[in-house]
Amino acid sequence: MGTDVEREIGHDEYDPKGTLALIAIYFLLIAGLWIFTYFVEFLGNEMTVVGVVL
């Protein structure tokens, strides 16, 4: 068996850049899809899902 090297890092040494990047990408994806849905559903058409015809 080889030597297993384990190093415990403290709170100050932990830098979650990858997690932050994934959250940012997910947020941009959701925002983009929301804008796309707005243009498809509401722009140039009457409201079909939300709204009342008076």
N, C-alpha and C. Protein backbone atom coordinates (compact mmCIF):
# COMPACT_ATOMS: atom_id res chain seq x y z
N MET A 1 0.84 -1.18 0.00
CA MET A 1 0.00 0.00 0.00
C MET A 1 0.88 1.24 0.00
N GLY A 2 0.41 2.25 -0.70
CA GLY A 2 1.14 3.51 -0.73
C GLY A 2 0.81 4.36 0.47
N THR A 3 1.50 5.43 0.58
CA THR A 3 1.24 6.34 1.69
C THR A 3 0.10 7.26 1.29
N ASP A 4 -0.92 7.27 2.10
CA ASP A 4 -2.05 8.16 1.86
C ASP A 4 -1.78 9.48 2.56
N VAL A 5 -1.74 10.53 1.77
CA VAL A 5 -1.47 11.86 2.32
C VAL A 5 -2.80 12.57 2.49
N GLU A 6 -3.09 12.92 3.71
CA GLU A 6 -4.29 13.69 4.00
C GLU A 6 -3.87 14.97 4.68
N ARG A 7 -4.41 16.05 4.20
CA ARG A 7 -4.10 17.34 4.79
C ARG A 7 -5.41 18.03 5.10
N GLU A 8 -5.57 18.41 6.32
CA GLU A 8 -6.78 19.10 6.74
C GLU A 8 -6.59 20.59 6.52
N ILE A 9 -7.53 21.19 5.79
CA ILE A 9 -7.41 22.63 5.55
C ILE A 9 -8.39 23.36 6.46
N GLY A 10 -7.99 24.52 6.85
CA GLY A 10 -8.82 25.33 7.72
C GLY A 10 -9.83 26.13 6.92
N HIS A 11 -10.66 26.83 7.64
CA HIS A 11 -11.71 27.64 7.01
C HIS A 11 -11.13 28.76 6.16
N ASP A 12 -10.03 29.34 6.61
CA ASP A 12 -9.43 30.46 5.87
C ASP A 12 -8.76 30.00 4.58
N GLU A 13 -8.35 28.76 4.50
CA GLU A 13 -7.67 28.25 3.31
C GLU A 13 -8.64 27.78 2.24
N TYR A 14 -9.88 27.56 2.60
CA TYR A 14 -10.87 27.02 1.66
C TYR A 14 -11.41 28.14 0.79
N ASP A 15 -11.26 28.01 -0.53
CA ASP A 15 -11.71 29.03 -1.46
C ASP A 15 -12.58 28.37 -2.53
N PRO A 16 -13.88 28.43 -2.38
CA PRO A 16 -14.77 27.68 -3.28
C PRO A 16 -15.05 28.41 -4.60
N LYS A 17 -14.03 28.60 -5.41
CA LYS A 17 -14.22 29.30 -6.69
C LYS A 17 -15.06 28.48 -7.65
N GLY A 18 -14.87 27.18 -7.65
CA GLY A 18 -15.65 26.32 -8.56
C GLY A 18 -17.13 26.34 -8.24
N THR A 19 -17.45 26.30 -6.95
CA THR A 19 -18.85 26.35 -6.54
C THR A 19 -19.47 27.68 -6.92
N LEU A 20 -18.75 28.76 -6.71
CA LEU A 20 -19.24 30.08 -7.08
C LEU A 20 -19.45 30.19 -8.59
N ALA A 21 -18.55 29.61 -9.36
CA ALA A 21 -18.68 29.64 -10.82
C ALA A 21 -19.91 28.86 -11.26
N LEU A 22 -20.15 27.70 -10.66
CA LEU A 22 -21.34 26.91 -11.02
C LEU A 22 -22.63 27.65 -10.67
N ILE A 23 -22.65 28.30 -9.52
CA ILE A 23 -23.84 29.07 -9.13
C ILE A 23 -24.06 30.23 -10.09
N ALA A 24 -22.99 30.91 -10.49
CA ALA A 24 -23.12 32.03 -11.43
C ALA A 24 -23.62 31.55 -12.79
N ILE A 25 -23.10 30.42 -13.27
CA ILE A 25 -23.54 29.88 -14.56
C ILE A 25 -25.01 29.47 -14.48
N TYR A 26 -25.40 28.85 -13.38
CA TYR A 26 -26.80 28.45 -13.19
C TYR A 26 -27.71 29.67 -13.16
N PHE A 27 -27.29 30.72 -12.46
CA PHE A 27 -28.09 31.94 -12.39
C PHE A 27 -28.23 32.57 -13.77
N LEU A 28 -27.15 32.63 -14.55
CA LEU A 28 -27.22 33.20 -15.89
C LEU A 28 -28.13 32.36 -16.80
N LEU A 29 -28.08 31.06 -16.65
CA LEU A 29 -28.95 30.19 -17.43
C LEU A 29 -30.42 30.45 -17.11
N ILE A 30 -30.74 30.51 -15.83
CA ILE A 30 -32.13 30.75 -15.42
C ILE A 30 -32.59 32.14 -15.87
N ALA A 31 -31.74 33.15 -15.74
CA ALA A 31 -32.10 34.50 -16.17
C ALA A 31 -32.32 34.53 -17.69
N GLY A 32 -31.46 33.87 -18.44
CA GLY A 32 -31.62 33.82 -19.89
C GLY A 32 -32.91 33.14 -20.31
N LEU A 33 -33.22 32.03 -19.66
CA LEU A 33 -34.47 31.33 -19.97
C LEU A 33 -35.69 32.15 -19.58
N TRP A 34 -35.59 32.90 -18.49
CA TRP A 34 -36.69 33.76 -18.08
C TRP A 34 -36.93 34.86 -19.11
N ILE A 35 -35.86 35.47 -19.60
CA ILE A 35 -35.98 36.52 -20.62
C ILE A 35 -36.56 35.92 -21.91
N PHE A 36 -36.08 34.75 -22.30
CA PHE A 36 -36.60 34.09 -23.50
C PHE A 36 -38.09 33.80 -23.36
N THR A 37 -38.50 33.33 -22.19
CA THR A 37 -39.91 33.05 -21.95
C THR A 37 -40.73 34.33 -22.02
N TYR A 38 -40.20 35.42 -21.52
CA TYR A 38 -40.90 36.70 -21.59
C TYR A 38 -41.15 37.09 -23.04
N PHE A 39 -40.12 37.00 -23.87
CA PHE A 39 -40.27 37.39 -25.26
C PHE A 39 -41.22 36.46 -26.02
N VAL A 40 -41.16 35.18 -25.74
CA VAL A 40 -42.04 34.24 -26.44
C VAL A 40 -43.48 34.41 -25.99
N GLU A 41 -43.70 34.59 -24.71
CA GLU A 41 -45.06 34.56 -24.17
C GLU A 41 -45.76 35.91 -24.26
N PHE A 42 -45.07 37.00 -24.00
CA PHE A 42 -45.75 38.27 -23.81
C PHE A 42 -45.49 39.31 -24.89
N LEU A 43 -44.38 39.26 -25.57
CA LEU A 43 -44.04 40.32 -26.51
C LEU A 43 -44.81 40.16 -27.81
N GLY A 44 -45.59 41.16 -28.16
CA GLY A 44 -46.31 41.14 -29.42
C GLY A 44 -47.58 40.32 -29.42
N ASN A 45 -47.90 39.68 -28.35
CA ASN A 45 -49.11 38.88 -28.26
C ASN A 45 -49.92 39.32 -27.06
N GLU A 46 -51.17 38.92 -27.07
CA GLU A 46 -51.95 39.13 -25.86
C GLU A 46 -51.49 38.12 -24.82
N MET A 47 -51.73 38.43 -23.58
CA MET A 47 -51.34 37.50 -22.54
C MET A 47 -52.19 36.25 -22.65
N THR A 48 -51.54 35.10 -22.72
CA THR A 48 -52.28 33.86 -22.89
C THR A 48 -52.38 33.07 -21.60
N VAL A 49 -51.36 33.12 -20.78
CA VAL A 49 -51.36 32.33 -19.57
C VAL A 49 -51.89 33.15 -18.41
N VAL A 50 -51.45 34.40 -18.32
CA VAL A 50 -51.84 35.28 -17.23
C VAL A 50 -52.65 36.42 -17.82
N GLY A 51 -53.76 36.75 -17.21
CA GLY A 51 -54.54 37.89 -17.68
C GLY A 51 -55.99 37.51 -17.91
N VAL A 52 -56.81 38.55 -17.95
CA VAL A 52 -58.24 38.36 -18.14
C VAL A 52 -58.65 39.21 -19.33
N VAL A 53 -59.45 38.65 -20.21
CA VAL A 53 -59.97 39.39 -21.35
C VAL A 53 -61.18 40.18 -20.88
N LEU A 54 -61.10 41.50 -21.01
CA LEU A 54 -62.22 42.35 -20.57
C LEU A 54 -63.10 42.72 -21.72
